[in-house]
Amino acid sequence: MKTRKANKKYKCHLCEGTINKGDQYAHKSVVIGKETIYAGSGEVPDWAWTPARATMPVCNECANPKEVEA
């Protein structure tokens, strides 16, 4: 996964570790729920729902585990 240099302190979404300023980190897209723009009346059908996503910071060790071991 492509990493970038942190401009501020973050918390890793996967391991709950700290990403300090200047460390390498990546962004991972995670599903945070479902959303719809269905305008019909009545109950919303299953096909009308789409996942809502957000990007969360991930430390370099979690983003690239094979590269860290080598």
PDB file of N, CA and C in Angstrom:
ATOM      1  N   MET A   1       0.839  -1.164   0.000  1.00  0.00           N
ATOM      2  CA  MET A   1       0.000   0.000   0.000  1.00  0.00           C
ATOM      3  C   MET A   1       0.896   1.243   0.000  1.00  0.00           C
ATOM      4  N   LYS A   2       0.520   2.246  -0.757  1.00  0.00           N
ATOM      5  CA  LYS A   2       1.307   3.474  -0.826  1.00  0.00           C
ATOM      6  C   LYS A   2       1.195   4.249   0.487  1.00  0.00           C
ATOM      7  N   THR A   3       2.324   4.705   0.986  1.00  0.00           N
ATOM      8  CA  THR A   3       2.328   5.439   2.252  1.00  0.00           C
ATOM      9  C   THR A   3       2.695   6.894   2.031  1.00  0.00           C
ATOM     10  N   ARG A   4       2.432   7.694   3.029  1.00  0.00           N
ATOM     11  CA  ARG A   4       2.792   9.117   3.014  1.00  0.00           C
ATOM     12  C   ARG A   4       3.304   9.512   4.387  1.00  0.00           C
ATOM     13  N   LYS A   5       3.915  10.654   4.478  1.00  0.00           N
ATOM     14  CA  LYS A   5       4.489  11.148   5.722  1.00  0.00           C
ATOM     15  C   LYS A   5       3.420  11.900   6.516  1.00  0.00           C
ATOM     16  N   ALA A   6       3.292  11.576   7.787  1.00  0.00           N
ATOM     17  CA  ALA A   6       2.265  12.194   8.644  1.00  0.00           C
ATOM     18  C   ALA A   6       2.656  13.622   9.004  1.00  0.00           C
ATOM     19  N   ASN A   7       1.705  14.537   8.870  1.00  0.00           N
ATOM     20  CA  ASN A   7       1.911  15.929   9.258  1.00  0.00           C
ATOM     21  C   ASN A   7       1.452  16.204  10.685  1.00  0.00           C
ATOM     22  N   LYS A   8       0.724  15.255  11.258  1.00  0.00           N
ATOM     23  CA  LYS A   8       0.271  15.373  12.640  1.00  0.00           C
ATOM     24  C   LYS A   8       0.146  13.974  13.229  1.00  0.00           C
ATOM     25  N   LYS A   9      -0.185  13.893  14.497  1.00  0.00           N
ATOM     26  CA  LYS A   9      -0.298  12.618  15.194  1.00  0.00           C
ATOM     27  C   LYS A   9      -1.641  11.960  14.865  1.00  0.00           C
ATOM     28  N   TYR A  10      -1.622  10.666  14.524  1.00  0.00           N
ATOM     29  CA  TYR A  10      -2.822   9.891  14.224  1.00  0.00           C
ATOM     30  C   TYR A  10      -2.854   8.633  15.083  1.00  0.00           C
ATOM     31  N   LYS A  11      -4.006   7.947  15.064  1.00  0.00           N
ATOM     32  CA  LYS A  11      -4.157   6.658  15.729  1.00  0.00           C
ATOM     33  C   LYS A  11      -4.477   5.624  14.653  1.00  0.00           C
ATOM     34  N   CYS A  12      -3.753   4.504  14.629  1.00  0.00           N
ATOM     35  CA  CYS A  12      -3.954   3.454  13.637  1.00  0.00           C
ATOM     36  C   CYS A  12      -5.327   2.818  13.834  1.00  0.00           C
ATOM     37  N   HIS A  13      -6.053   2.677  12.744  1.00  0.00           N
ATOM     38  CA  HIS A  13      -7.397   2.104  12.799  1.00  0.00           C
ATOM     39  C   HIS A  13      -7.366   0.604  13.081  1.00  0.00           C
ATOM     40  N   LEU A  14      -6.324  -0.100  12.651  1.00  0.00           N
ATOM     41  CA  LEU A  14      -6.268  -1.553  12.799  1.00  0.00           C
ATOM     42  C   LEU A  14      -5.680  -2.007  14.129  1.00  0.00           C
ATOM     43  N   CYS A  15      -4.520  -1.472  14.513  1.00  0.00           N
ATOM     44  CA  CYS A  15      -3.851  -1.960  15.726  1.00  0.00           C
ATOM     45  C   CYS A  15      -3.977  -1.004  16.914  1.00  0.00           C
ATOM     46  N   GLU A  16      -4.656   0.133  16.724  1.00  0.00           N
ATOM     47  CA  GLU A  16      -4.857   1.131  17.774  1.00  0.00           C
ATOM     48  C   GLU A  16      -3.545   1.761  18.248  1.00  0.00           C
ATOM     49  N   GLY A  17      -2.456   1.593  17.487  1.00  0.00           N
ATOM     50  CA  GLY A  17      -1.176   2.191  17.839  1.00  0.00           C
ATOM     51  C   GLY A  17      -1.126   3.665  17.453  1.00  0.00           C
ATOM     52  N   THR A  18      -0.071   4.340  17.864  1.00  0.00           N
ATOM     53  CA  THR A  18       0.095   5.760  17.581  1.00  0.00           C
ATOM     54  C   THR A  18       0.970   5.952  16.347  1.00  0.00           C
ATOM     55  N   ILE A  19       0.556   6.861  15.467  1.00  0.00           N
ATOM     56  CA  ILE A  19       1.349   7.266  14.308  1.00  0.00           C
ATOM     57  C   ILE A  19       1.836   8.672  14.614  1.00  0.00           C
ATOM     58  N   ASN A  20       3.129   8.824  14.874  1.00  0.00           N
ATOM     59  CA  ASN A  20       3.681  10.119  15.248  1.00  0.00           C
ATOM     60  C   ASN A  20       3.937  10.982  14.024  1.00  0.00           C
ATOM     61  N   LYS A  21       4.069  12.265  14.242  1.00  0.00           N
ATOM     62  CA  LYS A  21       4.375  13.205  13.168  1.00  0.00           C
ATOM     63  C   LYS A  21       5.707  12.809  12.536  1.00  0.00           C
ATOM     64  N   GLY A  22       5.741  12.697  11.198  1.00  0.00           N
ATOM     65  CA  GLY A  22       6.942  12.323  10.472  1.00  0.00           C
ATOM     66  C   GLY A  22       7.013  10.846  10.123  1.00  0.00           C
ATOM     67  N   ASP A  23       6.175  10.002  10.747  1.00  0.00           N
ATOM     68  CA  ASP A  23       6.140   8.573  10.433  1.00  0.00           C
ATOM     69  C   ASP A  23       5.395   8.337   9.122  1.00  0.00           C
ATOM     70  N   GLN A  24       5.662   7.185   8.495  1.00  0.00           N
ATOM     71  CA  GLN A  24       4.956   6.794   7.283  1.00  0.00           C
ATOM     72  C   GLN A  24       3.631   6.134   7.678  1.00  0.00           C
ATOM     73  N   TYR A  25       2.563   6.455   6.945  1.00  0.00           N
ATOM     74  CA  TYR A  25       1.259   5.858   7.191  1.00  0.00           C
ATOM     75  C   TYR A  25       0.484   5.793   5.883  1.00  0.00           C
ATOM     76  N   ALA A  26      -0.612   5.036   5.870  1.00  0.00           N
ATOM     77  CA  ALA A  26      -1.461   4.896   4.690  1.00  0.00           C
ATOM     78  C   ALA A  26      -2.905   5.185   5.072  1.00  0.00           C
ATOM     79  N   HIS A  27      -3.768   5.269   4.059  1.00  0.00           N
ATOM     80  CA  HIS A  27      -5.200   5.441   4.282  1.00  0.00           C
ATOM     81  C   HIS A  27      -5.899   4.179   3.833  1.00  0.00           C
ATOM     82  N   LYS A  28      -6.836   3.680   4.635  1.00  0.00           N
ATOM     83  CA  LYS A  28      -7.623   2.503   4.293  1.00  0.00           C
ATOM     84  C   LYS A  28      -9.092   2.892   4.291  1.00  0.00           C
ATOM     85  N   SER A  29      -9.799   2.499   3.250  1.00  0.00           N
ATOM     86  CA  SER A  29     -11.218   2.770   3.139  1.00  0.00           C
ATOM     87  C   SER A  29     -11.995   1.726   3.934  1.00  0.00           C
ATOM     88  N   VAL A  30     -12.858   2.176   4.832  1.00  0.00           N
ATOM     89  CA  VAL A  30     -13.659   1.272   5.665  1.00  0.00           C
ATOM     90  C   VAL A  30     -15.143   1.629   5.532  1.00  0.00           C
ATOM     91  N   VAL A  31     -15.999   0.611   5.633  1.00  0.00           N
ATOM     92  CA  VAL A  31     -17.445   0.820   5.571  1.00  0.00           C
ATOM     93  C   VAL A  31     -17.923   1.260   6.956  1.00  0.00           C
ATOM     94  N   ILE A  32     -18.635   2.382   7.003  1.00  0.00           N
ATOM     95  CA  ILE A  32     -19.125   2.901   8.284  1.00  0.00           C
ATOM     96  C   ILE A  32     -20.642   2.786   8.413  1.00  0.00           C
ATOM     97  N   GLY A  33     -21.306   2.289   7.390  1.00  0.00           N
ATOM     98  CA  GLY A  33     -22.763   2.137   7.425  1.00  0.00           C
ATOM     99  C   GLY A  33     -23.309   2.061   6.019  1.00  0.00           C
ATOM    100  N   LYS A  34     -24.603   2.269   5.898  1.00  0.00           N
ATOM    101  CA  LYS A  34     -25.251   2.263   4.585  1.00  0.00           C
ATOM    102  C   LYS A  34     -26.055   3.545   4.427  1.00  0.00           C
ATOM    103  N   GLU A  35     -26.169   3.988   3.164  1.00  0.00           N
ATOM    104  CA  GLU A  35     -26.937   5.191   2.870  1.00  0.00           C
ATOM    105  C   GLU A  35     -27.793   4.948   1.629  1.00  0.00           C
ATOM    106  N   THR A  36     -28.811   5.756   1.454  1.00  0.00           N
ATOM    107  CA  THR A  36     -29.682   5.639   0.300  1.00  0.00           C
ATOM    108  C   THR A  36     -30.185   7.016  -0.117  1.00  0.00           C
ATOM    109  N   ILE A  37     -30.530   7.129  -1.401  1.00  0.00           N
ATOM    110  CA  ILE A  37     -31.168   8.353  -1.892  1.00  0.00           C
ATOM    111  C   ILE A  37     -32.508   7.988  -2.538  1.00  0.00           C
ATOM    112  N   TYR A  38     -33.091   6.902  -2.063  1.00  0.00           N
ATOM    113  CA  TYR A  38     -34.359   6.396  -2.590  1.00  0.00           C
ATOM    114  C   TYR A  38     -35.463   7.416  -2.327  1.00  0.00           C
ATOM    115  N   ALA A  39     -36.177   7.806  -3.384  1.00  0.00           N
ATOM    116  CA  ALA A  39     -37.206   8.836  -3.251  1.00  0.00           C
ATOM    117  C   ALA A  39     -38.620   8.272  -3.276  1.00  0.00           C
ATOM    118  N   GLY A  40     -38.761   6.957  -3.412  1.00  0.00           N
ATOM    119  CA  GLY A  40     -40.096   6.352  -3.467  1.00  0.00           C
ATOM    120  C   GLY A  40     -40.775   6.354  -2.114  1.00  0.00           C
ATOM    121  N   SER A  41     -42.038   6.040  -2.129  1.00  0.00           N
ATOM    122  CA  SER A  41     -42.777   5.987  -0.869  1.00  0.00           C
ATOM    123  C   SER A  41     -42.726   4.568  -0.305  1.00  0.00           C
ATOM    124  N   GLY A  42     -42.911   4.463   0.977  1.00  0.00           N
ATOM    125  CA  GLY A  42     -42.912   3.154   1.619  1.00  0.00           C
ATOM    126  C   GLY A  42     -41.520   2.724   2.050  1.00  0.00           C
ATOM    127  N   GLU A  43     -41.365   1.419   2.240  1.00  0.00           N
ATOM    128  CA  GLU A  43     -40.106   0.859   2.713  1.00  0.00           C
ATOM    129  C   GLU A  43     -39.042   0.914   1.621  1.00  0.00           C
ATOM    130  N   VAL A  44     -37.789   1.159   1.999  1.00  0.00           N
ATOM    131  CA  VAL A  44     -36.676   1.245   1.053  1.00  0.00           C
ATOM    132  C   VAL A  44     -36.238  -0.164   0.670  1.00  0.00           C
ATOM    133  N   PRO A  45     -36.213  -0.509  -0.638  1.00  0.00           N
ATOM    134  CA  PRO A  45     -35.803  -1.852  -1.052  1.00  0.00           C
ATOM    135  C   PRO A  45     -34.304  -2.082  -0.846  1.00  0.00           C
ATOM    136  N   ASP A  46     -33.899  -3.355  -0.773  1.00  0.00           N
ATOM    137  CA  ASP A  46     -32.505  -3.713  -0.521  1.00  0.00           C
ATOM    138  C   ASP A  46     -31.558  -3.194  -1.600  1.00  0.00           C
ATOM    139  N   TRP A  47     -31.990  -3.154  -2.859  1.00  0.00           N
ATOM    140  CA  TRP A  47     -31.098  -2.738  -3.947  1.00  0.00           C
ATOM    141  C   TRP A  47     -30.777  -1.242  -3.896  1.00  0.00           C
ATOM    142  N   ALA A  48     -31.553  -0.455  -3.149  1.00  0.00           N
ATOM    143  CA  ALA A  48     -31.359   1.001  -3.106  1.00  0.00           C
ATOM    144  C   ALA A  48     -30.263   1.426  -2.130  1.00  0.00           C
ATOM    145  N   TRP A  49     -29.775   0.514  -1.284  1.00  0.00           N
ATOM    146  CA  TRP A  49     -28.766   0.854  -0.280  1.00  0.00           C
ATOM    147  C   TRP A  49     -27.365   0.711  -0.844  1.00  0.00           C
ATOM    148  N   THR A  50     -26.485   1.660  -0.539  1.00  0.00           N
ATOM    149  CA  THR A  50     -25.078   1.583  -0.906  1.00  0.00           C
ATOM    150  C   THR A  50     -24.240   1.792   0.352  1.00  0.00           C
ATOM    151  N   PRO A  51     -23.059   1.160   0.412  1.00  0.00           N
ATOM    152  CA  PRO A  51     -22.231   1.326   1.608  1.00  0.00           C
ATOM    153  C   PRO A  51     -21.650   2.738   1.704  1.00  0.00           C
ATOM    154  N   ALA A  52     -21.657   3.305   2.897  1.00  0.00           N
ATOM    155  CA  ALA A  52     -21.030   4.600   3.160  1.00  0.00           C
ATOM    156  C   ALA A  52     -19.602   4.314   3.619  1.00  0.00           C
ATOM    157  N   ARG A  53     -18.618   4.967   3.022  1.00  0.00           N
ATOM    158  CA  ARG A  53     -17.214   4.691   3.310  1.00  0.00           C
ATOM    159  C   ARG A  53     -16.508   5.937   3.822  1.00  0.00           C
ATOM    160  N   ALA A  54     -15.457   5.699   4.602  1.00  0.00           N
ATOM    161  CA  ALA A  54     -14.592   6.767   5.094  1.00  0.00           C
ATOM    162  C   ALA A  54     -13.156   6.251   5.058  1.00  0.00           C
ATOM    163  N   THR A  55     -12.187   7.145   4.911  1.00  0.00           N
ATOM    164  CA  THR A  55     -10.788   6.731   4.931  1.00  0.00           C
ATOM    165  C   THR A  55     -10.230   6.934   6.329  1.00  0.00           C
ATOM    166  N   MET A  56      -9.536   5.909   6.804  1.00  0.00           N
ATOM    167  CA  MET A  56      -8.968   5.924   8.149  1.00  0.00           C
ATOM    168  C   MET A  56      -7.455   5.728   8.051  1.00  0.00           C
ATOM    169  N   PRO A  57      -6.678   6.370   8.928  1.00  0.00           N
ATOM    170  CA  PRO A  57      -5.230   6.199   8.902  1.00  0.00           C
ATOM    171  C   PRO A  57      -4.807   4.821   9.414  1.00  0.00           C
ATOM    172  N   VAL A  58      -3.781   4.247   8.763  1.00  0.00           N
ATOM    173  CA  VAL A  58      -3.237   2.939   9.128  1.00  0.00           C
ATOM    174  C   VAL A  58      -1.724   3.067   9.172  1.00  0.00           C
ATOM    175  N   CYS A  59      -1.099   2.539  10.231  1.00  0.00           N
ATOM    176  CA  CYS A  59       0.361   2.640  10.359  1.00  0.00           C
ATOM    177  C   CYS A  59       1.067   1.816   9.291  1.00  0.00           C
ATOM    178  N   ASN A  60       2.332   2.101   9.063  1.00  0.00           N
ATOM    179  CA  ASN A  60       3.104   1.429   8.029  1.00  0.00           C
ATOM    180  C   ASN A  60       3.219  -0.069   8.294  1.00  0.00           C
ATOM    181  N   GLU A  61       3.297  -0.479   9.558  1.00  0.00           N
ATOM    182  CA  GLU A  61       3.406  -1.899   9.896  1.00  0.00           C
ATOM    183  C   GLU A  61       2.144  -2.663   9.499  1.00  0.00           C
ATOM    184  N   CYS A  62       0.975  -2.061   9.656  1.00  0.00           N
ATOM    185  CA  CYS A  62      -0.284  -2.710   9.277  1.00  0.00           C
ATOM    186  C   CYS A  62      -0.538  -2.605   7.770  1.00  0.00           C
ATOM    187  N   ALA A  63      -0.104  -1.525   7.148  1.00  0.00           N
ATOM    188  CA  ALA A  63      -0.331  -1.313   5.733  1.00  0.00           C
ATOM    189  C   ALA A  63       0.552  -2.203   4.868  1.00  0.00           C
ATOM    190  N   ASN A  64       1.797  -2.423   5.274  1.00  0.00           N
ATOM    191  CA  ASN A  64       2.761  -3.208   4.499  1.00  0.00           C
ATOM    192  C   ASN A  64       3.468  -4.210   5.391  1.00  0.00           C
ATOM    193  N   PRO A  65       2.780  -5.261   5.849  1.00  0.00           N
ATOM    194  CA  PRO A  65       3.404  -6.187   6.801  1.00  0.00           C
ATOM    195  C   PRO A  65       4.574  -6.984   6.215  1.00  0.00           C
ATOM    196  N   LYS A  66       4.544  -7.309   4.931  1.00  0.00           N
ATOM    197  CA  LYS A  66       5.622  -8.086   4.315  1.00  0.00           C
ATOM    198  C   LYS A  66       6.892  -7.261   4.187  1.00  0.00           C
ATOM    199  N   GLU A  67       6.767  -5.982   3.902  1.00  0.00           N
ATOM    200  CA  GLU A  67       7.941  -5.122   3.760  1.00  0.00           C
ATOM    201  C   GLU A  67       8.607  -4.869   5.111  1.00  0.00           C
ATOM    202  N   VAL A  68       7.855  -4.809   6.182  1.00  0.00           N
ATOM    203  CA  VAL A  68       8.405  -4.532   7.505  1.00  0.00           C
ATOM    204  C   VAL A  68       9.190  -5.746   8.003  1.00  0.00           C
ATOM    205  N   GLU A  69       8.702  -6.974   7.724  1.00  0.00           N
ATOM    206  CA  GLU A  69       9.387  -8.194   8.158  1.00  0.00           C
ATOM    207  C   GLU A  69      10.724  -8.382   7.478  1.00  0.00           C
ATOM    208  N   ALA A  70      10.846  -7.967   6.225  1.00  0.00           N
ATOM    209  CA  ALA A  70      12.067  -8.186   5.438  1.00  0.00           C
ATOM    210  C   ALA A  70      13.208  -7.321   5.867  1.00  0.00           C
TER     211      ALA A  70
END
